[in-house]
Amino acid sequence: MTEFTLIPSAGTAAVDAPFTGRHLIDGTWQDSADGRTFERRSPSHGVLVSRSALAGADETEAAIAAARRAFDAGCWSRSSGKDRATLLLKVADLIDARREEIARIEVLESGKPIAQARAEIEGAADIWRYAAALARTLHGDSHNSLGADMLGLVLKEPIGVVSIITPWNFPFLIVSQKLPFALAAGCTCVVKPSELTPSTTVMLGEMLIEAGLPAGVVNIVLGYGDPVGALMSEHTAVDMVTFTGSTGVGKAITAAASGTLKKVALELGGKNPQVVFPDADLDQAADAITFGVYFNAGECCNSGSRIIVHEDIARDLVSRVVELSRRVPFGDPLDEATKVGAIISDAHQAKIDGYVKDAASAGAEVQLGGGEMEVPGLPGRFYQPTVVSGVTPDMAIAREEVFGPVLSVLTFRTMDEALALANGAAYGLSAGVWSDSVHTCLEFSRRVQAGTVWTNTWMDGFAELPFGGVKESGSGRELGRYGIEEFLEVKTVQMRIGRTRQAWVAAD
């Protein structure tokens, strides 16, 4: 008998035919010129989910050229906010109408639970609607305090052609945190989804066409980082790159983009701490910690992958988290009861396990889990819910992004010590603090180095609030009104009223 809560195969993973993905270039669906394709098998069920066209340099060049022509022609870049908003709202409605279809493909390609996938698709539609509101309220500024003969205008204009490169862990949600804001600003785009989860982005392309988006405004290229992502990052016709993924790849994109000094926006990794003080509600904290580390199998930049807990309550809190961890339903992602699904690939599973084994060898104590897990009836790859205590700041598991269902536990005595541990990592995406004292929460929130701070909760999210990191967690912001600002250039216009300019050269 296992000490974990396992959900066996529901027997519902049959695929009538693999999803066929093609490139969207200048308004038409195209195969690769050389006929090459790549396949994706489900990491949970082993079935063939999709077969997609594999792009090379030619397809990428064509997509970038189409986006450039569309932007320069002005059919979208000079359209009204009303027209842009109307189209974005149509897309949101189409997403809602196809929610179940999108969610199922996403589950099979990524291994995430079906209930979670549905919620993400619903959240994506909400983001498209929020971006539509921004399209209609976008405006610049005017300055009429420059003197009787001068008027100053500050215009906000679309930055141009944007390369959007998205990851495999939240393929539909993350493209929806970028693309609608770029479109609301008036940009044209080239999108490259991860080769591990390409299909829902293709579905989004279908919805954009159905909604009436002009040809060339959004182009989708399917393939690998080399050559597709690299060319999208360095091309002279691209004005901006926005990327979500690993810090290592983010640095490579920044280097590739530096040749043209194009703008780069990055949402990268995290080693996100939750600091728990002695006066915290431990039941609430334990539940949120459990959610934070196992959500999306820990394959989440916002994963609450390390807790920094006061020594006086550490044993109590860890025991509560271990008990809750045993009760979290791991297993078949297509079962409605499942909360944690499969790991994305064999290589990633091995990487996760390596961090745990290295920590144990260095003296940490594995309180729960620490190995691969078999789920009845499923051939896929799963990892046990894992809690590692006795972690010290020098261990890799305390500093590096594991990106799996693994919780590291460190302890502290004082606020200063807790902040030193929290800020000691190279990352700065998000952080959390648990205390009944508003003074403790505010002091921690002001001193911690993170783009988002949660107090007495974890990973709540709203379209209205910006998201992004500091340090090696990236640059720029998504969502909120800041989300559209990323895709805008500011232009100053100075207007002299009447013939009032004083001559520089004296008249004869």
Protein backbone atom coordinates (compact mmCIF):
# COMPACT_ATOMS: atom_id res chain seq x y z
CA MET A 1 0.00 0.00 0.00
CA THR A 2 1.33 3.41 -0.96
CA GLU A 3 1.63 6.34 1.45
CA PHE A 4 0.44 8.68 -1.30
CA THR A 5 -2.97 9.40 -2.80
CA LEU A 6 -2.91 8.03 -6.35
CA ILE A 7 -5.54 8.41 -9.06
CA PRO A 8 -5.28 5.47 -11.49
CA SER A 9 -5.95 5.64 -15.22
CA ALA A 10 -9.48 6.67 -16.07
CA GLY A 11 -9.15 5.01 -19.47
CA THR A 12 -10.20 8.15 -21.36
CA ALA A 13 -7.03 9.11 -23.20
CA ALA A 14 -7.91 7.69 -26.60
CA VAL A 15 -7.06 10.05 -29.47
CA ASP A 16 -9.01 9.50 -32.71
CA ALA A 17 -6.26 11.16 -34.73
CA PRO A 18 -3.27 13.29 -33.76
CA PHE A 19 -3.81 17.03 -33.91
CA THR A 20 -2.19 18.47 -37.04
CA GLY A 21 -0.33 21.71 -36.53
CA ARG A 22 0.85 23.97 -39.33
CA HIS A 23 2.48 27.38 -39.47
CA LEU A 24 0.31 30.47 -39.78
CA ILE A 25 2.11 32.85 -42.13
CA ASP A 26 0.51 35.93 -43.67
CA GLY A 27 -2.99 34.65 -42.99
CA THR A 28 -2.57 31.15 -44.46
CA TRP A 29 -1.82 27.77 -42.90
CA GLN A 30 1.34 26.28 -44.34
CA ASP A 31 3.42 23.13 -44.08
CA SER A 32 7.20 23.44 -43.96
CA ALA A 33 8.77 23.77 -47.39
CA ASP A 34 10.85 20.63 -46.84
CA GLY A 35 7.90 18.68 -45.44
CA ARG A 36 9.53 18.05 -42.08
CA THR A 37 7.36 17.45 -39.01
CA PHE A 38 7.77 16.64 -35.31
CA GLU A 39 5.57 14.67 -32.94
CA ARG A 40 4.46 15.05 -29.34
CA ARG A 41 3.52 12.08 -27.17
CA SER A 42 1.66 12.56 -23.92
CA PRO A 43 3.99 12.54 -20.90
CA SER A 44 1.20 10.96 -18.86
CA HIS A 45 -0.53 8.55 -21.24
CA GLY A 46 2.09 7.83 -23.89
CA VAL A 47 -0.34 8.36 -26.78
CA LEU A 48 0.57 10.35 -29.89
CA VAL A 49 -1.15 13.70 -29.36
CA SER A 50 0.04 15.91 -32.19
CA ARG A 51 2.10 16.06 -35.36
CA SER A 52 3.32 19.53 -36.31
CA ALA A 53 5.18 21.15 -39.16
CA LEU A 54 8.83 21.76 -38.25
CA ALA A 55 10.01 25.22 -39.23
CA GLY A 56 13.44 26.23 -40.40
CA ALA A 57 14.94 29.58 -41.25
CA ASP A 58 12.81 29.99 -44.39
CA GLU A 59 9.47 29.75 -42.56
CA THR A 60 10.71 32.02 -39.80
CA GLU A 61 11.93 34.63 -42.27
CA ALA A 62 8.58 34.52 -44.07
CA ALA A 63 6.64 35.00 -40.83
CA ILE A 64 8.77 37.95 -39.76
CA ALA A 65 8.44 39.55 -43.20
CA ALA A 66 4.66 39.14 -43.07
CA ALA A 67 4.48 40.79 -39.66
CA ARG A 68 6.70 43.64 -40.88
CA ARG A 69 4.53 44.26 -43.95
CA ALA A 70 1.34 44.18 -41.92
CA PHE A 71 2.69 46.64 -39.37
CA ASP A 72 4.03 49.07 -41.94
CA ALA A 73 0.79 48.91 -43.97
CA GLY A 74 -1.09 50.18 -40.92
CA CYS A 75 -4.18 47.97 -41.24
CA TRP A 76 -3.77 47.10 -37.55
CA SER A 77 -1.14 49.48 -36.18
CA ARG A 78 -3.17 52.54 -37.15
CA SER A 79 -6.60 51.07 -36.42
CA SER A 80 -8.79 52.50 -33.67
CA GLY A 81 -8.85 51.25 -30.12
CA LYS A 82 -12.50 50.39 -30.64
CA ASP A 83 -11.73 48.12 -33.58
CA ARG A 84 -8.91 46.37 -31.74
CA ALA A 85 -11.04 45.88 -28.65
CA THR A 86 -13.91 44.48 -30.68
CA LEU A 87 -11.69 41.80 -32.17
CA LEU A 88 -10.10 40.89 -28.83
CA LEU A 89 -13.54 40.44 -27.31
CA LYS A 90 -14.52 38.12 -30.18
CA VAL A 91 -11.43 36.03 -29.49
CA ALA A 92 -12.37 35.79 -25.80
CA ASP A 93 -15.81 34.48 -26.74
CA LEU A 94 -14.28 31.91 -29.09
CA ILE A 95 -11.91 30.75 -26.34
CA ASP A 96 -14.88 30.20 -24.05
CA ALA A 97 -16.72 28.27 -26.74
CA ARG A 98 -13.75 25.91 -27.28
CA ARG A 99 -12.62 25.66 -23.65
CA GLU A 100 -13.09 21.92 -23.32
CA GLU A 101 -11.33 21.15 -26.60
CA ILE A 102 -8.38 23.41 -25.76
CA ALA A 103 -8.11 22.00 -22.24
CA ARG A 104 -8.03 18.38 -23.37
CA ILE A 105 -5.22 18.92 -25.87
CA GLU A 106 -3.28 20.89 -23.29
CA VAL A 107 -3.68 18.08 -20.75
CA LEU A 108 -2.44 15.45 -23.18
CA GLU A 109 0.55 17.50 -24.35
CA SER A 110 1.64 18.84 -20.95
CA GLY A 111 0.42 16.28 -18.40
CA LYS A 112 -1.41 18.81 -16.23
CA PRO A 113 -4.80 18.02 -14.60
CA ILE A 114 -7.94 18.66 -16.61
CA ALA A 115 -9.62 20.78 -13.92
CA GLN A 116 -6.56 23.03 -13.77
CA ALA A 117 -6.38 23.30 -17.55
CA ARG A 118 -10.02 24.39 -17.75
CA ALA A 119 -9.42 27.07 -15.13
CA GLU A 120 -6.39 28.35 -17.05
CA ILE A 121 -8.35 28.59 -20.31
CA GLU A 122 -11.11 30.46 -18.50
CA GLY A 123 -8.50 32.79 -17.01
CA ALA A 124 -6.99 33.34 -20.45
CA ALA A 125 -10.33 34.47 -21.87
CA ASP A 126 -10.63 36.95 -19.00
CA ILE A 127 -7.19 38.35 -19.85
CA TRP A 128 -8.21 38.87 -23.49
CA ARG A 129 -11.23 40.84 -22.26
CA TYR A 130 -9.08 42.92 -19.93
CA ALA A 131 -6.65 43.70 -22.77
CA ALA A 132 -9.64 44.78 -24.88
CA ALA A 133 -10.51 47.34 -22.21
CA LEU A 134 -6.95 48.68 -22.32
CA ALA A 135 -7.14 49.06 -26.10
CA ARG A 136 -10.02 51.52 -25.70
CA THR A 137 -8.54 53.47 -22.81
CA LEU A 138 -4.99 53.82 -24.15
CA HIS A 139 -3.88 57.46 -24.37
CA GLY A 140 -0.91 59.77 -24.18
CA ASP A 141 -0.53 63.12 -22.41
CA SER A 142 -0.66 66.80 -23.20
CA HIS A 143 1.22 69.71 -21.62
CA ASN A 144 -0.34 73.16 -21.90
CA SER A 145 1.88 74.70 -19.22
CA LEU A 146 4.85 75.37 -21.54
CA GLY A 147 3.85 78.94 -22.34
CA ALA A 148 1.20 80.66 -24.42
CA ASP A 149 2.91 79.77 -27.68
CA MET A 150 3.70 76.09 -27.06
CA LEU A 151 1.75 72.85 -26.71
CA GLY A 152 3.47 69.58 -25.83
CA LEU A 153 2.07 66.18 -26.73
CA VAL A 154 3.25 62.76 -25.58
CA LEU A 155 2.09 60.04 -27.96
CA LYS A 156 2.10 56.34 -27.18
CA GLU A 157 2.62 54.28 -30.31
CA PRO A 158 3.00 50.53 -30.94
CA ILE A 159 6.61 49.42 -30.76
CA GLY A 160 6.34 47.45 -34.02
CA VAL A 161 6.96 43.78 -34.77
CA VAL A 162 7.11 41.62 -31.64
CA SER A 163 8.56 38.13 -31.34
CA ILE A 164 6.68 36.14 -28.69
CA ILE A 165 8.37 32.96 -27.42
CA THR A 166 6.39 30.90 -24.91
CA PRO A 167 7.11 27.88 -22.67
CA TRP A 168 5.54 24.45 -22.21
CA ASN A 169 4.24 24.69 -18.65
CA PHE A 170 1.31 27.09 -19.27
CA PRO A 171 1.17 27.23 -23.06
CA PHE A 172 -2.24 28.84 -23.53
CA LEU A 173 -2.24 31.05 -20.45
CA ILE A 174 1.20 32.56 -21.03
CA VAL A 175 0.62 33.38 -24.70
CA SER A 176 -2.53 35.10 -23.44
CA GLN A 177 -0.47 37.18 -21.02
CA LYS A 178 1.48 38.58 -23.97
CA LEU A 179 -0.34 38.48 -27.30
CA PRO A 180 -3.58 40.36 -26.47
CA PHE A 181 -1.59 43.21 -24.91
CA ALA A 182 0.67 43.43 -27.95
CA LEU A 183 -2.40 43.47 -30.20
CA ALA A 184 -4.18 46.03 -28.02
CA ALA A 185 -1.14 48.29 -28.44
CA GLY A 186 -1.28 47.90 -32.24
CA CYS A 187 1.74 45.64 -32.72
CA THR A 188 2.08 42.76 -35.14
CA CYS A 189 3.55 39.50 -33.92
CA VAL A 190 5.40 36.29 -34.63
CA VAL A 191 4.67 33.59 -32.05
CA LYS A 192 6.72 30.48 -31.33
CA PRO A 193 5.20 28.06 -28.80
CA SER A 194 7.29 25.37 -27.14
CA GLU A 195 7.86 22.31 -29.31
CA LEU A 196 6.52 20.25 -26.38
CA THR A 197 3.11 21.97 -26.34
CA PRO A 198 2.46 23.58 -29.74
CA SER A 199 -1.16 22.70 -30.43
CA THR A 200 -3.20 25.11 -28.30
CA THR A 201 -1.33 28.06 -29.81
CA VAL A 202 -2.34 26.79 -33.25
CA MET A 203 -5.94 26.64 -32.00
CA LEU A 204 -5.59 30.25 -30.90
CA GLY A 205 -4.46 31.13 -34.41
CA GLU A 206 -7.63 29.54 -35.76
CA MET A 207 -9.69 31.71 -33.44
CA LEU A 208 -7.84 34.86 -34.47
CA ILE A 209 -8.63 34.17 -38.12
CA GLU A 210 -12.26 33.40 -37.29
CA ALA A 211 -12.49 36.68 -35.37
CA GLY A 212 -11.35 38.57 -38.48
CA LEU A 213 -7.75 39.52 -37.71
CA PRO A 214 -6.06 40.91 -40.85
CA ALA A 215 -3.50 38.66 -42.55
CA GLY A 216 0.04 38.98 -41.25
CA VAL A 217 -0.86 40.63 -37.94
CA VAL A 218 -0.24 37.37 -36.04
CA ASN A 219 2.01 34.67 -37.45
CA ILE A 220 2.76 31.34 -35.74
CA VAL A 221 5.92 29.35 -36.39
CA LEU A 222 6.33 25.85 -34.96
CA GLY A 223 9.76 24.47 -34.19
CA TYR A 224 12.82 24.58 -31.98
CA GLY A 225 14.81 27.37 -30.40
CA ASP A 226 17.48 26.78 -33.02
CA PRO A 227 16.90 28.12 -35.62
CA VAL A 228 13.39 29.55 -35.03
CA GLY A 229 13.76 31.23 -31.65
CA ALA A 230 17.27 32.43 -32.39
CA LEU A 231 16.24 34.09 -35.65
CA MET A 232 13.18 35.67 -34.00
CA SER A 233 15.52 37.17 -31.39
CA GLU A 234 18.22 38.60 -33.64
CA HIS A 235 16.34 39.62 -36.80
CA THR A 236 16.68 43.26 -37.80
CA ALA A 237 12.98 43.48 -38.78
CA VAL A 238 11.89 42.57 -35.22
CA ASP A 239 11.51 45.48 -32.80
CA MET A 240 10.96 43.58 -29.57
CA VAL A 241 11.24 40.09 -28.08
CA THR A 242 9.14 38.89 -25.16
CA PHE A 243 10.06 35.52 -23.68
CA THR A 244 8.96 33.34 -20.80
CA GLY A 245 11.17 30.44 -19.79
CA SER A 246 14.44 29.58 -18.14
CA THR A 247 16.96 32.18 -17.02
CA GLY A 248 19.66 30.54 -19.15
CA VAL A 249 17.64 30.87 -22.34
CA GLY A 250 16.63 34.38 -21.35
CA LYS A 251 20.29 35.38 -21.18
CA ALA A 252 20.89 33.82 -24.60
CA ILE A 253 17.96 35.77 -26.08
CA THR A 254 19.28 39.00 -24.58
CA ALA A 255 22.67 38.34 -26.16
CA ALA A 256 21.09 37.54 -29.54
CA ALA A 257 18.95 40.69 -29.42
CA SER A 258 21.84 42.94 -28.44
CA GLY A 259 23.11 43.20 -32.00
CA THR A 260 20.13 45.37 -32.94
CA LEU A 261 19.47 46.86 -29.47
CA LYS A 262 15.84 45.77 -29.72
CA LYS A 263 13.72 45.79 -26.58
CA VAL A 264 13.64 42.53 -24.60
CA ALA A 265 11.06 41.61 -21.95
CA LEU A 266 11.77 38.49 -19.90
CA GLU A 267 9.75 36.46 -17.40
CA LEU A 268 12.22 33.89 -16.13
CA GLY A 269 12.84 31.51 -13.26
CA GLY A 270 12.16 31.77 -9.57
CA LYS A 271 13.23 30.29 -6.25
CA ASN A 272 10.30 31.73 -4.41
CA PRO A 273 10.39 31.83 -0.60
CA GLN A 274 7.51 31.75 1.84
CA VAL A 275 8.59 33.05 5.23
CA VAL A 276 6.48 31.78 8.14
CA PHE A 277 6.57 33.63 11.45
CA PRO A 278 5.52 32.10 14.81
CA ASP A 279 2.22 34.02 14.95
CA ALA A 280 1.04 32.68 11.56
CA ASP A 281 -2.10 30.58 11.14
CA LEU A 282 -0.30 27.28 10.58
CA ASP A 283 -3.30 25.46 9.10
CA GLN A 284 -3.71 28.15 6.45
CA ALA A 285 0.02 28.33 5.84
CA ALA A 286 0.43 24.56 5.52
CA ASP A 287 -2.39 24.30 2.99
CA ALA A 288 -1.05 27.19 0.90
CA ILE A 289 2.49 25.80 1.03
CA THR A 290 1.21 22.42 -0.13
CA PHE A 291 -0.67 24.07 -2.99
CA GLY A 292 2.28 26.29 -3.88
CA VAL A 293 4.79 23.48 -4.28
CA TYR A 294 2.59 20.89 -6.04
CA PHE A 295 0.55 23.13 -8.33
CA ASN A 296 1.34 22.12 -11.93
CA ALA A 297 3.66 19.46 -10.45
CA GLY A 298 5.96 22.27 -9.37
CA GLU A 299 6.65 23.08 -13.03
CA CYS A 300 5.83 26.71 -12.41
CA CYS A 301 8.00 29.83 -12.20
CA ASN A 302 5.91 30.89 -9.20
CA SER A 303 6.30 27.60 -7.38
CA GLY A 304 6.60 28.08 -3.63
CA SER A 305 9.59 25.78 -3.70
CA ARG A 306 11.22 26.82 -0.45
CA ILE A 307 9.85 27.76 2.94
CA ILE A 308 11.80 29.72 5.50
CA VAL A 309 10.16 28.93 8.82
CA HIS A 310 10.87 30.16 12.33
CA GLU A 311 12.72 27.55 14.40
CA ASP A 312 10.03 27.51 17.09
CA ILE A 313 7.36 26.22 14.73
CA ALA A 314 9.40 24.40 12.09
CA ARG A 315 8.74 20.85 13.29
CA ASP A 316 5.00 21.49 13.67
CA LEU A 317 4.65 23.15 10.25
CA VAL A 318 6.66 20.51 8.41
CA SER A 319 4.60 17.70 9.93
CA ARG A 320 1.40 19.41 8.76
CA VAL A 321 2.77 19.87 5.23
CA VAL A 322 3.91 16.23 5.08
CA GLU A 323 0.47 15.03 6.16
CA LEU A 324 -1.28 17.22 3.59
CA SER A 325 1.20 16.11 0.92
CA ARG A 326 0.18 12.50 1.42
CA ARG A 327 -3.43 13.47 0.69
CA VAL A 328 -2.84 15.42 -2.53
CA PRO A 329 -4.28 13.41 -5.45
CA PHE A 330 -1.48 12.59 -7.94
CA GLY A 331 -2.26 10.64 -11.08
CA ASP A 332 -4.27 10.57 -14.30
CA PRO A 333 -4.56 14.15 -15.56
CA LEU A 334 -7.83 13.35 -17.30
CA ASP A 335 -9.52 12.40 -14.01
CA GLU A 336 -11.50 15.27 -12.50
CA ALA A 337 -10.18 14.46 -9.01
CA THR A 338 -6.50 14.74 -9.92
CA LYS A 339 -4.62 17.81 -8.67
CA VAL A 340 -1.08 16.88 -9.78
CA GLY A 341 -0.20 15.23 -13.09
CA ALA A 342 2.85 14.08 -14.99
CA ILE A 343 6.36 15.49 -15.41
CA ILE A 344 7.00 16.96 -18.85
CA SER A 345 9.92 14.74 -19.96
CA ASP A 346 12.32 11.99 -18.89
CA ALA A 347 15.23 14.41 -18.84
CA HIS A 348 13.37 16.81 -16.58
CA GLN A 349 12.34 14.01 -14.24
CA ALA A 350 15.99 13.00 -13.91
CA LYS A 351 16.96 16.61 -13.18
CA ILE A 352 14.39 16.87 -10.38
CA ASP A 353 15.55 13.61 -8.85
CA GLY A 354 19.16 14.72 -9.04
CA TYR A 355 18.49 17.77 -6.87
CA VAL A 356 16.84 15.62 -4.19
CA LYS A 357 19.56 12.97 -4.20
CA ASP A 358 22.31 15.61 -4.01
CA ALA A 359 20.61 17.32 -1.06
CA ALA A 360 20.28 14.04 0.81
CA SER A 361 23.95 13.29 0.17
CA ALA A 362 24.83 16.73 1.56
CA GLY A 363 23.02 16.06 4.84
CA ALA A 364 19.43 17.18 4.22
CA GLU A 365 16.62 14.91 5.38
CA VAL A 366 13.96 13.68 2.94
CA GLN A 367 10.81 13.75 5.06
CA LEU A 368 8.56 12.45 2.28
CA GLY A 369 8.93 11.17 -1.26
CA GLY A 370 12.16 11.61 -3.13
CA GLY A 371 11.70 9.37 -6.12
CA GLU A 372 9.72 8.42 -9.19
CA MET A 373 6.16 7.21 -8.75
CA GLU A 374 4.11 4.66 -10.69
CA VAL A 375 0.44 5.38 -11.32
CA PRO A 376 -1.74 2.31 -12.01
CA GLY A 377 -2.63 1.99 -15.69
CA LEU A 378 -0.42 4.84 -16.90
CA PRO A 379 2.95 4.51 -18.66
CA GLY A 380 3.90 8.13 -18.08
CA ARG A 381 6.39 9.77 -15.74
CA PHE A 382 5.35 10.98 -12.30
CA TYR A 383 7.39 12.19 -9.31
CA GLN A 384 6.49 11.71 -5.67
CA PRO A 385 5.43 14.68 -3.55
CA THR A 386 8.69 15.47 -1.80
CA VAL A 387 9.57 17.43 1.35
CA VAL A 388 13.24 18.01 2.21
CA SER A 389 14.16 19.52 5.59
CA GLY A 390 17.51 20.40 7.12
CA VAL A 391 18.38 22.35 3.98
CA THR A 392 21.23 24.85 4.23
CA PRO A 393 21.66 27.95 2.04
CA ASP A 394 24.72 26.55 0.27
CA MET A 395 22.85 23.53 -1.14
CA ALA A 396 21.77 23.67 -4.80
CA ILE A 397 18.24 22.68 -3.80
CA ALA A 398 18.04 25.90 -1.75
CA ARG A 399 19.37 28.20 -4.50
CA GLU A 400 18.44 26.73 -7.88
CA GLU A 401 15.10 26.24 -9.58
CA VAL A 402 14.13 22.55 -9.27
CA PHE A 403 10.90 22.98 -11.25
CA GLY A 404 9.28 19.93 -9.74
CA PRO A 405 7.09 18.85 -6.77
CA VAL A 406 9.89 19.33 -4.25
CA LEU A 407 9.77 21.53 -1.15
CA SER A 408 12.96 22.75 0.58
CA VAL A 409 12.73 23.76 4.24
CA LEU A 410 15.10 26.27 5.86
CA THR A 411 14.80 27.88 9.30
CA PHE A 412 15.45 31.31 10.84
CA ARG A 413 15.40 33.16 14.16
CA THR A 414 15.06 36.87 13.27
CA MET A 415 13.49 39.05 10.59
CA ASP A 416 16.91 40.07 9.32
CA GLU A 417 17.98 36.43 9.02
CA ALA A 418 14.76 35.53 7.19
CA LEU A 419 15.26 38.38 4.72
CA ALA A 420 18.88 37.42 4.16
CA LEU A 421 17.78 33.90 3.26
CA ALA A 422 14.90 35.11 1.10
CA ASN A 423 17.08 37.59 -0.79
CA GLY A 424 20.08 35.29 -0.97
CA ALA A 425 19.00 33.58 -4.19
CA ALA A 426 19.82 35.04 -7.59
CA TYR A 427 16.11 35.11 -8.39
CA GLY A 428 13.45 37.63 -7.42
CA LEU A 429 10.12 36.65 -8.94
CA SER A 430 7.76 36.26 -5.99
CA ALA A 431 7.76 35.83 -2.22
CA GLY A 432 5.31 35.25 0.59
CA VAL A 433 5.01 36.09 4.26
CA TRP A 434 2.79 34.48 6.90
CA SER A 435 2.03 36.45 10.07
CA ASP A 436 -0.95 37.86 11.95
CA SER A 437 0.95 41.13 12.36
CA VAL A 438 0.37 43.68 9.63
CA HIS A 439 3.62 45.34 10.71
CA THR A 440 5.57 42.13 10.07
CA CYS A 441 3.90 41.66 6.70
CA LEU A 442 4.56 45.23 5.60
CA GLU A 443 8.18 45.26 6.73
CA PHE A 444 8.87 42.00 4.94
CA SER A 445 7.03 43.14 1.80
CA ARG A 446 9.05 46.35 1.60
CA ARG A 447 12.43 44.69 2.19
CA VAL A 448 12.16 41.49 0.18
CA GLN A 449 13.55 41.51 -3.38
CA ALA A 450 10.65 40.23 -5.47
CA GLY A 451 8.27 41.42 -8.16
CA THR A 452 5.23 40.07 -6.30
CA VAL A 453 4.69 39.58 -2.58
CA TRP A 454 1.78 37.60 -1.15
CA THR A 455 0.80 38.06 2.49
CA ASN A 456 -1.10 35.22 4.18
CA THR A 457 -1.89 33.66 0.81
CA TRP A 458 -0.05 32.25 -2.20
CA MET A 459 -0.36 32.58 -5.95
CA ASP A 460 -3.57 34.54 -6.19
CA GLY A 461 -3.64 36.34 -9.52
CA PHE A 462 -5.65 39.04 -11.25
CA ALA A 463 -5.51 40.47 -14.76
CA GLU A 464 -5.43 43.95 -13.25
CA LEU A 465 -2.17 43.45 -11.34
CA PRO A 466 1.28 43.43 -12.98
CA PHE A 467 3.49 40.35 -12.91
CA GLY A 468 7.24 40.05 -13.38
CA GLY A 469 10.51 39.73 -11.54
CA VAL A 470 13.74 41.39 -10.50
CA LYS A 471 17.35 40.18 -10.57
CA GLU A 472 17.68 36.97 -12.63
CA SER A 473 13.91 36.49 -12.71
CA GLY A 474 13.69 38.87 -15.64
CA SER A 475 12.73 42.36 -16.72
CA GLY A 476 9.51 44.03 -17.72
CA ARG A 477 5.95 43.35 -16.59
CA GLU A 478 2.94 41.49 -17.89
CA LEU A 479 -0.73 42.05 -17.04
CA GLY A 480 -2.25 45.18 -15.58
CA ARG A 481 -1.93 48.49 -17.38
CA TYR A 482 1.83 47.89 -17.32
CA GLY A 483 1.24 44.93 -19.62
CA ILE A 484 0.32 47.18 -22.54
CA GLU A 485 3.01 49.75 -21.73
CA GLU A 486 5.65 47.12 -22.55
CA PHE A 487 4.55 47.21 -26.19
CA LEU A 488 4.49 50.98 -26.60
CA GLU A 489 7.03 53.60 -27.58
CA VAL A 490 6.72 57.16 -26.25
CA LYS A 491 7.02 60.01 -28.75
CA THR A 492 7.22 63.70 -27.86
CA VAL A 493 5.58 66.27 -30.16
CA GLN A 494 6.27 69.98 -29.53
CA MET A 495 3.92 72.35 -31.31
CA ARG A 496 4.46 76.10 -31.64
CA ILE A 497 1.24 78.04 -31.83
CA GLY A 498 1.20 80.76 -34.47
CA ARG A 499 4.27 82.51 -35.93
CA THR A 500 5.86 83.23 -32.56
CA ARG A 501 9.34 81.77 -32.93
CA GLN A 502 12.12 84.23 -32.28
CA ALA A 503 14.63 84.51 -35.12
CA TRP A 504 18.06 83.07 -34.36
CA VAL A 505 19.73 85.04 -37.11
CA ALA A 506 18.95 88.75 -37.05
CA ALA A 507 17.20 90.12 -40.14
CA ASP A 508 18.93 92.77 -42.27
